[in-house]
Each structure stands twice: as C-alpha cells, then as structure tokens.
C-alpha cells in the first residue's frame, strides 16, 4: 500500500480555515488509506460514510492538532484512529437499530397470535382485550421471577438492546435472549388461551 506523504503546510492551512478549498486535497490524499484500513478490519461498514464522518471530525480536531511524528506518531495513524472510532460507532448504531426492530417485530407477532384466532375480518375489541389480559396475567404471575419479567419488559416491550439489559442484570447476551424467548412463549400461550375463551363466549351469546 502506498503511504501518503503528509504536508505539514496543508494541515496548518486546514487547521486555520474550516472552509478552505484544500480540504478536497486532503480527502484525495487519504481516502484510499482509510478505505484500505476499513476493508481489512471493518469490511461490513459503509466505507464512504465512515470516510466522510472522519473528515468532518477533522474540521474540529485539526485546529488543536500538532504534527509531531517523532513523539506522537504520523498523521495517517491519527487519522486511522478517528476512522476506527467512526466505524465502531456505525456498527453499534446498526446493532441498536436491529435490536429495536426486533422489539417491534416481537410485539407485532404477539398481537398476530391473538388476532389469527378469529376467522372474521372484523376487528373486535376482545382481541385487543385478549392481549392486554394475557399481559396482565403474565406480569402478575408469581411463578415468574421479577427479574425475568423486567428483562422481558425492557427488551420485548420497550425495545432496549439485549446488551444494555444484560449489563444492568450482570448477565451474558445469550442469557437475556433465552429469557426473552421463554417469556414470549409464555405470553403467547396465555394470549391464545384467553382469545379462545373470549371467542367461545362471543359465539355462545
């Protein structure tokens, strides 16, 4: 890989002027270096976004930066450090969004398990009541530990990330996933049971 030569005068100009047209020169000089680093260590990130975010971060950082390769290392290493941070940020954001999406999908599946018990196209109040009553019974069940209920509430109902919840309860991520899965199955069973009772009561009337 070709190592770009650092222009001290360029860094000084950019450190003094955030709107200098020479920012494009810096981007051309170092984009391939960042691209190569990301391809090797972070192949799944959106490289163009990371490069842009790295260059944007430099606008604030360059006024305080002092080029001192003997004591502080080369500028390219400083730049790669920023890119690494931005890449990790992107992966964390992607994970948070995926966890939130999973939470919404779980709620939708729970509602569907209740709704599919009826063959009518009408949306009746008892379907909503079935889910709410099942959730009430679930949360009031003394046989289910308070910890497991709270983990379920945070992850499945509030959309918190499993990693964050695991940290709160001093558990591993897979433990949180297992608890959530067990609680979802219990709630599904209650919802279906209650929906069947409601449907039978409605038919009898």
C-alpha atoms as a PDB file:
ATOM      1  CA  UNK A   1       0.000   0.000   0.000  1.00  0.00           C
ATOM      2  CA  UNK A   2       1.332   3.433  -0.901  1.00  0.00           C
ATOM      3  CA  UNK A   3       1.763   5.599   2.182  1.00  0.00           C
ATOM      4  CA  UNK A   4       0.721   9.219   1.501  1.00  0.00           C
ATOM      5  CA  UNK A   5       3.198  11.951   2.334  1.00  0.00           C
ATOM      6  CA  UNK A   6       1.926  14.349   4.953  1.00  0.00           C
ATOM      7  CA  UNK A   7       2.045  18.002   4.028  1.00  0.00           C
ATOM      8  CA  UNK A   8       2.584  19.951   7.223  1.00  0.00           C
ATOM      9  CA  UNK A   9       1.679  23.196   5.492  1.00  0.00           C
ATOM     10  CA  UNK A  10      -1.606  21.650   4.305  1.00  0.00           C
ATOM     11  CA  UNK A  11      -2.522  20.599   7.829  1.00  0.00           C
ATOM     12  CA  UNK A  12      -1.733  24.080   9.104  1.00  0.00           C
ATOM     13  CA  UNK A  13      -3.879  25.735   6.434  1.00  0.00           C
ATOM     14  CA  UNK A  14      -6.824  23.441   7.137  1.00  0.00           C
ATOM     15  CA  UNK A  15      -6.413  23.883  10.893  1.00  0.00           C
ATOM     16  CA  UNK A  16      -6.848  27.637  10.428  1.00  0.00           C
ATOM     17  CA  UNK A  17      -9.632  27.527   7.835  1.00  0.00           C
ATOM     18  CA  UNK A  18     -12.526  25.057   8.051  1.00  0.00           C
ATOM     19  CA  UNK A  19     -13.801  26.272   4.663  1.00  0.00           C
ATOM     20  CA  UNK A  20     -10.546  26.042   2.765  1.00  0.00           C
ATOM     21  CA  UNK A  21     -10.881  24.556  -0.754  1.00  0.00           C
ATOM     22  CA  UNK A  22      -7.840  22.447   0.064  1.00  0.00           C
ATOM     23  CA  UNK A  23      -9.978  20.044   2.107  1.00  0.00           C
ATOM     24  CA  UNK A  24     -10.623  18.209  -1.149  1.00  0.00           C
ATOM     25  CA  UNK A  25      -6.854  17.765  -1.471  1.00  0.00           C
ATOM     26  CA  UNK A  26      -6.705  16.120   1.950  1.00  0.00           C
ATOM     27  CA  UNK A  27      -9.635  13.867   1.040  1.00  0.00           C
ATOM     28  CA  UNK A  28      -7.940  12.751  -2.188  1.00  0.00           C
ATOM     29  CA  UNK A  29      -4.682  12.110  -0.367  1.00  0.00           C
ATOM     30  CA  UNK A  30      -6.001   9.970   2.471  1.00  0.00           C
ATOM     31  CA  UNK A  31      -9.281   8.412   1.310  1.00  0.00           C
ATOM     32  CA  UNK A  32      -7.581   5.336  -0.129  1.00  0.00           C
ATOM     33  CA  UNK A  33      -5.630   4.838   3.113  1.00  0.00           C
ATOM     34  CA  UNK A  34      -8.826   4.872   5.169  1.00  0.00           C
ATOM     35  CA  UNK A  35     -10.579   2.693   2.579  1.00  0.00           C
ATOM     36  CA  UNK A  36      -7.840   0.074   2.813  1.00  0.00           C
ATOM     37  CA  UNK A  37      -7.947   0.070   6.603  1.00  0.00           C
ATOM     38  CA  UNK A  38     -11.730  -0.379   6.640  1.00  0.00           C
ATOM     39  CA  UNK A  39     -11.664  -3.124   4.007  1.00  0.00           C
ATOM     40  CA  UNK A  40      -9.235  -5.089   6.168  1.00  0.00           C
ATOM     41  CA  UNK A  41     -10.615  -4.523   9.670  1.00  0.00           C
ATOM     42  CA  UNK A  42     -14.239  -3.401   9.154  1.00  0.00           C
ATOM     43  CA  UNK A  43     -15.393  -4.955   5.866  1.00  0.00           C
ATOM     44  CA  UNK A  44     -19.112  -4.683   6.686  1.00  0.00           C
ATOM     45  CA  UNK A  45     -19.307  -0.937   7.330  1.00  0.00           C
ATOM     46  CA  UNK A  46     -20.391   1.661   4.774  1.00  0.00           C
ATOM     47  CA  UNK A  47     -16.890   2.879   3.959  1.00  0.00           C
ATOM     48  CA  UNK A  48     -17.923   6.093   2.221  1.00  0.00           C
ATOM     49  CA  UNK A  49     -19.966   7.159   5.247  1.00  0.00           C
ATOM     50  CA  UNK A  50     -17.091   6.432   7.614  1.00  0.00           C
ATOM     51  CA  UNK A  51     -14.644   8.374   5.436  1.00  0.00           C
ATOM     52  CA  UNK A  52     -16.989  11.370   5.286  1.00  0.00           C
ATOM     53  CA  UNK A  53     -17.578  11.292   9.047  1.00  0.00           C
ATOM     54  CA  UNK A  54     -13.824  11.054   9.645  1.00  0.00           C
ATOM     55  CA  UNK A  55     -13.123  14.102   7.503  1.00  0.00           C
ATOM     56  CA  UNK A  56     -15.952  16.029   9.162  1.00  0.00           C
ATOM     57  CA  UNK A  57     -14.474  15.205  12.580  1.00  0.00           C
ATOM     58  CA  UNK A  58     -11.142  16.608  11.415  1.00  0.00           C
ATOM     59  CA  UNK A  59     -12.707  20.036  10.960  1.00  0.00           C
ATOM     60  CA  UNK A  60     -12.988  20.317  14.754  1.00  0.00           C
ATOM     61  CA  UNK A  61      -9.809  18.428  15.586  1.00  0.00           C
ATOM     62  CA  UNK A  62      -7.236  19.949  13.237  1.00  0.00           C
ATOM     63  CA  UNK A  63      -7.067  23.378  14.940  1.00  0.00           C
ATOM     64  CA  UNK A  64      -5.717  21.575  18.027  1.00  0.00           C
ATOM     65  CA  UNK A  65      -3.577  19.054  16.165  1.00  0.00           C
ATOM     66  CA  UNK A  66       0.201  19.415  16.172  1.00  0.00           C
ATOM     67  CA  UNK A  67       2.213  17.352  13.724  1.00  0.00           C
ATOM     68  CA  UNK A  68       4.948  15.637  15.737  1.00  0.00           C
ATOM     69  CA  UNK A  69       5.747  12.252  14.153  1.00  0.00           C
ATOM     70  CA  UNK A  70       8.682  11.534  16.470  1.00  0.00           C
ATOM     71  CA  UNK A  71       6.662  11.855  19.680  1.00  0.00           C
ATOM     72  CA  UNK A  72       3.015  11.478  18.662  1.00  0.00           C
ATOM     73  CA  UNK A  73       3.237   9.296  15.561  1.00  0.00           C
ATOM     74  CA  UNK A  74       2.374  10.013  11.950  1.00  0.00           C
ATOM     75  CA  UNK A  75      -0.731  11.895  10.871  1.00  0.00           C
ATOM     76  CA  UNK A  76      -2.059   8.868   8.981  1.00  0.00           C
ATOM     77  CA  UNK A  77      -2.133   6.924  12.274  1.00  0.00           C
ATOM     78  CA  UNK A  78      -4.034   9.771  13.911  1.00  0.00           C
ATOM     79  CA  UNK A  79      -6.487   9.748  11.023  1.00  0.00           C
ATOM     80  CA  UNK A  80      -6.921   5.974  11.152  1.00  0.00           C
ATOM     81  CA  UNK A  81      -7.689   6.267  14.865  1.00  0.00           C
ATOM     82  CA  UNK A  82     -10.601   8.576  14.075  1.00  0.00           C
ATOM     83  CA  UNK A  83     -11.805   6.284  11.273  1.00  0.00           C
ATOM     84  CA  UNK A  84     -11.683   3.284  13.620  1.00  0.00           C
ATOM     85  CA  UNK A  85     -13.844   5.111  16.161  1.00  0.00           C
ATOM     86  CA  UNK A  86     -16.347   6.125  13.464  1.00  0.00           C
ATOM     87  CA  UNK A  87     -16.520   2.558  12.128  1.00  0.00           C
ATOM     88  CA  UNK A  88     -17.269   1.177  15.589  1.00  0.00           C
ATOM     89  CA  UNK A  89     -19.926   3.868  16.069  1.00  0.00           C
ATOM     90  CA  UNK A  90     -21.593   2.821  12.818  1.00  0.00           C
ATOM     91  CA  UNK A  91     -21.643  -0.855  13.832  1.00  0.00           C
ATOM     92  CA  UNK A  92     -23.112  -0.002  17.242  1.00  0.00           C
ATOM     93  CA  UNK A  93     -25.805   2.153  15.665  1.00  0.00           C
ATOM     94  CA  UNK A  94     -26.671  -0.630  13.229  1.00  0.00           C
ATOM     95  CA  UNK A  95     -26.946  -3.086  16.141  1.00  0.00           C
ATOM     96  CA  UNK A  96     -29.180  -0.738  18.145  1.00  0.00           C
ATOM     97  CA  UNK A  97     -31.478  -0.288  15.153  1.00  0.00           C
ATOM     98  CA  UNK A  98     -31.646  -4.055  14.609  1.00  0.00           C
ATOM     99  CA  UNK A  99     -32.491  -4.674  18.272  1.00  0.00           C
ATOM    100  CA  UNK A 100     -35.198  -2.008  18.194  1.00  0.00           C
ATOM    101  CA  UNK A 101     -36.651  -3.516  15.012  1.00  0.00           C
ATOM    102  CA  UNK A 102     -36.651  -6.955  16.658  1.00  0.00           C
ATOM    103  CA  UNK A 103     -38.563  -5.498  19.600  1.00  0.00           C
ATOM    104  CA  UNK A 104     -41.267  -4.079  17.345  1.00  0.00           C
ATOM    105  CA  UNK A 105     -41.471  -7.339  15.420  1.00  0.00           C
ATOM    106  CA  UNK A 106     -41.930  -9.273  18.658  1.00  0.00           C
ATOM    107  CA  UNK A 107     -44.847  -7.063  19.671  1.00  0.00           C
ATOM    108  CA  UNK A 108     -46.401  -7.449  16.220  1.00  0.00           C
ATOM    109  CA  UNK A 109     -46.077 -11.242  16.384  1.00  0.00           C
ATOM    110  CA  UNK A 110     -47.714 -11.325  19.806  1.00  0.00           C
ATOM    111  CA  UNK A 111     -50.638  -9.288  18.521  1.00  0.00           C
ATOM    112  CA  UNK A 112     -50.914 -11.543  15.456  1.00  0.00           C
ATOM    113  CA  UNK A 113     -51.060 -14.695  17.567  1.00  0.00           C
ATOM    114  CA  UNK A 114     -54.164 -13.270  19.204  1.00  0.00           C
ATOM    115  CA  UNK A 115     -55.671 -11.853  16.041  1.00  0.00           C
ATOM    116  CA  UNK A 116     -55.314 -15.020  13.974  1.00  0.00           C
ATOM    117  CA  UNK A 117     -57.601 -16.927  16.341  1.00  0.00           C
ATOM    118  CA  UNK A 118     -60.594 -15.257  14.705  1.00  0.00           C
ATOM    119  CA  UNK A 119     -61.671 -16.001  11.139  1.00  0.00           C
ATOM    120  CA  UNK A 120     -63.742 -12.853  10.987  1.00  0.00           C
ATOM    121  CA  UNK A 121     -62.487  -9.853   9.056  1.00  0.00           C
ATOM    122  CA  UNK A 122     -63.966  -7.569  11.740  1.00  0.00           C
ATOM    123  CA  UNK A 123     -61.572  -6.140  14.302  1.00  0.00           C
ATOM    124  CA  UNK A 124     -63.339  -6.779  17.604  1.00  0.00           C
ATOM    125  CA  UNK A 125     -62.455  -5.316  20.949  1.00  0.00           C
ATOM    126  CA  UNK A 126     -61.929  -8.723  22.565  1.00  0.00           C
ATOM    127  CA  UNK A 127     -58.801  -9.335  20.501  1.00  0.00           C
ATOM    128  CA  UNK A 128     -57.120  -6.315  22.000  1.00  0.00           C
ATOM    129  CA  UNK A 129     -58.519  -7.265  25.390  1.00  0.00           C
ATOM    130  CA  UNK A 130     -57.114 -10.784  24.988  1.00  0.00           C
ATOM    131  CA  UNK A 131     -53.591  -9.483  24.564  1.00  0.00           C
ATOM    132  CA  UNK A 132     -53.929  -6.954  27.382  1.00  0.00           C
ATOM    133  CA  UNK A 133     -55.414  -9.520  29.758  1.00  0.00           C
ATOM    134  CA  UNK A 134     -52.703 -12.062  28.872  1.00  0.00           C
ATOM    135  CA  UNK A 135     -50.031  -9.435  29.540  1.00  0.00           C
ATOM    136  CA  UNK A 136     -51.675  -8.515  32.862  1.00  0.00           C
ATOM    137  CA  UNK A 137     -51.762 -12.170  33.963  1.00  0.00           C
ATOM    138  CA  UNK A 138     -48.226 -12.681  32.770  1.00  0.00           C
ATOM    139  CA  UNK A 139     -46.874  -9.745  34.779  1.00  0.00           C
ATOM    140  CA  UNK A 140     -48.870 -10.774  37.867  1.00  0.00           C
ATOM    141  CA  UNK A 141     -47.814 -14.444  37.767  1.00  0.00           C
ATOM    142  CA  UNK A 142     -45.827 -15.098  40.998  1.00  0.00           C
ATOM    143  CA  UNK A 143     -44.216 -18.162  39.430  1.00  0.00           C
ATOM    144  CA  UNK A 144     -42.303 -15.924  37.018  1.00  0.00           C
ATOM    145  CA  UNK A 145     -39.387 -14.155  38.663  1.00  0.00           C
ATOM    146  CA  UNK A 146     -39.388 -10.365  38.913  1.00  0.00           C
ATOM    147  CA  UNK A 147     -36.034 -10.321  37.114  1.00  0.00           C
ATOM    148  CA  UNK A 148     -37.330 -12.279  34.126  1.00  0.00           C
ATOM    149  CA  UNK A 149     -40.417 -10.070  33.876  1.00  0.00           C
ATOM    150  CA  UNK A 150     -38.308  -6.925  33.923  1.00  0.00           C
ATOM    151  CA  UNK A 151     -35.907  -8.295  31.310  1.00  0.00           C
ATOM    152  CA  UNK A 152     -38.873  -9.155  29.078  1.00  0.00           C
ATOM    153  CA  UNK A 153     -40.441  -5.733  29.606  1.00  0.00           C
ATOM    154  CA  UNK A 154     -37.241  -3.904  28.728  1.00  0.00           C
ATOM    155  CA  UNK A 155     -36.253  -5.973  25.703  1.00  0.00           C
ATOM    156  CA  UNK A 156     -39.578  -7.070  24.161  1.00  0.00           C
ATOM    157  CA  UNK A 157     -41.893  -4.201  25.104  1.00  0.00           C
ATOM    158  CA  UNK A 158     -39.592  -1.181  25.459  1.00  0.00           C
ATOM    159  CA  UNK A 159     -37.151  -2.088  22.678  1.00  0.00           C
ATOM    160  CA  UNK A 160     -33.982  -1.784  24.770  1.00  0.00           C
ATOM    161  CA  UNK A 161     -30.925  -3.553  23.399  1.00  0.00           C
ATOM    162  CA  UNK A 162     -30.157  -7.011  24.853  1.00  0.00           C
ATOM    163  CA  UNK A 163     -26.564  -5.888  25.504  1.00  0.00           C
ATOM    164  CA  UNK A 164     -27.686  -2.935  27.621  1.00  0.00           C
ATOM    165  CA  UNK A 165     -30.151  -5.071  29.573  1.00  0.00           C
ATOM    166  CA  UNK A 166     -27.541  -7.792  30.075  1.00  0.00           C
ATOM    167  CA  UNK A 167     -25.187  -5.198  31.567  1.00  0.00           C
ATOM    168  CA  UNK A 168     -27.868  -3.987  34.001  1.00  0.00           C
ATOM    169  CA  UNK A 169     -28.532  -7.510  35.298  1.00  0.00           C
ATOM    170  CA  UNK A 170     -24.911  -8.687  35.064  1.00  0.00           C
ATOM    171  CA  UNK A 171     -25.782 -11.388  32.529  1.00  0.00           C
ATOM    172  CA  UNK A 172     -24.441 -12.528  29.177  1.00  0.00           C
ATOM    173  CA  UNK A 173     -26.241 -11.501  25.978  1.00  0.00           C
ATOM    174  CA  UNK A 174     -27.335 -15.076  25.239  1.00  0.00           C
ATOM    175  CA  UNK A 175     -28.889 -15.368  28.731  1.00  0.00           C
ATOM    176  CA  UNK A 176     -31.062 -12.333  28.002  1.00  0.00           C
ATOM    177  CA  UNK A 177     -32.071 -13.816  24.620  1.00  0.00           C
ATOM    178  CA  UNK A 178     -33.040 -17.107  26.268  1.00  0.00           C
ATOM    179  CA  UNK A 179     -35.118 -15.379  28.960  1.00  0.00           C
ATOM    180  CA  UNK A 180     -36.861 -13.223  26.368  1.00  0.00           C
ATOM    181  CA  UNK A 181     -37.666 -16.304  24.247  1.00  0.00           C
ATOM    182  CA  UNK A 182     -39.144 -18.174  27.229  1.00  0.00           C
ATOM    183  CA  UNK A 183     -41.244 -15.188  28.279  1.00  0.00           C
ATOM    184  CA  UNK A 184     -42.553 -14.650  24.744  1.00  0.00           C
ATOM    185  CA  UNK A 185     -43.712 -18.271  24.571  1.00  0.00           C
ATOM    186  CA  UNK A 186     -45.486 -17.965  27.935  1.00  0.00           C
ATOM    187  CA  UNK A 187     -47.252 -14.777  26.862  1.00  0.00           C
ATOM    188  CA  UNK A 188     -48.251 -16.286  23.525  1.00  0.00           C
ATOM    189  CA  UNK A 189     -49.808 -19.279  25.278  1.00  0.00           C
ATOM    190  CA  UNK A 190     -51.772 -17.019  27.657  1.00  0.00           C
ATOM    191  CA  UNK A 191     -52.959 -14.776  24.827  1.00  0.00           C
ATOM    192  CA  UNK A 192     -54.142 -17.713  22.710  1.00  0.00           C
ATOM    193  CA  UNK A 193     -55.858 -19.296  25.705  1.00  0.00           C
ATOM    194  CA  UNK A 194     -57.653 -16.096  26.629  1.00  0.00           C
ATOM    195  CA  UNK A 195     -58.588 -15.393  22.995  1.00  0.00           C
ATOM    196  CA  UNK A 196     -60.165 -18.845  22.721  1.00  0.00           C
ATOM    197  CA  UNK A 197     -62.248 -18.201  25.851  1.00  0.00           C
ATOM    198  CA  UNK A 198     -63.394 -14.833  24.525  1.00  0.00           C
ATOM    199  CA  UNK A 199     -64.251 -16.311  21.145  1.00  0.00           C
ATOM    200  CA  UNK A 200     -66.227 -19.110  22.757  1.00  0.00           C
ATOM    201  CA  UNK A 201     -68.113 -16.668  24.976  1.00  0.00           C
ATOM    202  CA  UNK A 202     -68.963 -14.491  21.972  1.00  0.00           C
ATOM    203  CA  UNK A 203     -70.229 -17.495  19.995  1.00  0.00           C
ATOM    204  CA  UNK A 204     -72.421 -18.625  22.904  1.00  0.00           C
ATOM    205  CA  UNK A 205     -74.005 -15.203  23.136  1.00  0.00           C
END
